[in-house]
C-alpha cells in the first residue's frame, strides 16, 4: 500500500473561538487506566491510499466507529469521503492527469474540517460540537484519555517523522543525524485514536489499527480534538457524571 499523508499545518482560529475540553471536565473523575473502542469491523482506507485525504478519512472512520458500536452500522462510502475532501480541501477530481497526479490534491487542515463536520458532516452524519485538547505541545495525556473515554475516540494530527515509515509501532528512536526524526520531515497526518493503555494509543490509519507509544505522542502530536456526537453519547449510554455537556452545547450555540 502507498501511504499518503495530507494534514496541513495546524490552523488557529484568529477569533479564538475554538473551545477547549479542559473547561468541561473539571469535575470529571480520572479516566480509566485503559479504554478500548477499537472493535471496528470492515475498516477501509477511505481513499487515503490514493489521495491526501487523511483528515476526511479520519472523520469517516469516526462515523463508522460510532455507528457500529451504537448498534446501527454505517460505513461512509468513497464518494462521501471524496465529496468532503472537495468541500474542505478544494480537491477537484476533474484535474487528475493520466499518471494519477492532481495539483489540487494538497490535503486540508483539521480546524476547517471540524467546522465542516459540525455544519455539514459526512453522509448526513454530523457532530454537535468539537473541542481542542490543547493549544500547546506536548498535549495533555490526561485530556487525550478523557476524550477517548467520553467520546469513543480522539481526532489527532501528527507532524510525522520519516523515521516511522517502516515502524510496526510508531515510536521515538535515537536521532541518527540525518533529519529523519525531525517532526514533519515526512509530513502531516490525521488519524483516529480509539483505545489507550499505560504504554500505547491505538489509532486507525490507512484502514488498519496501529499502536503508538506515548513518547511518540509527546514528541510528534501537533493537534488534537474531541468530537462530540449526541447520537454516540445517547446510543452508547455514556452519560458521564462530571462532564459539563450542557455548558459545552450552550457555548457552541453562542459562537
Foldseek 3Di string as FASTA:
>chain_A
DAAAAFADAADADPVNLFAAQCVQQVQFDQFDQKDFLPPQPPFAQLCRNQFNLQLLSQLQVLVQSLCVLLPHGDGFDSVQSVVLCCVFQVDDPVQQDPVRDHPSRRHGHNVSSLVCLQPPNTPRHHFLHKHWQDQDAPGDPRSQSVLCRQQQKKKFKWQDFQVCPPPQEADQDPDPPPRRRPRNNVHMHIWIFRMDHPFWTWTAHNRDTGTYGVRRSRRITNIMMRTHHPSSCVSNVRPGPSRRVVVVSVSVVVD
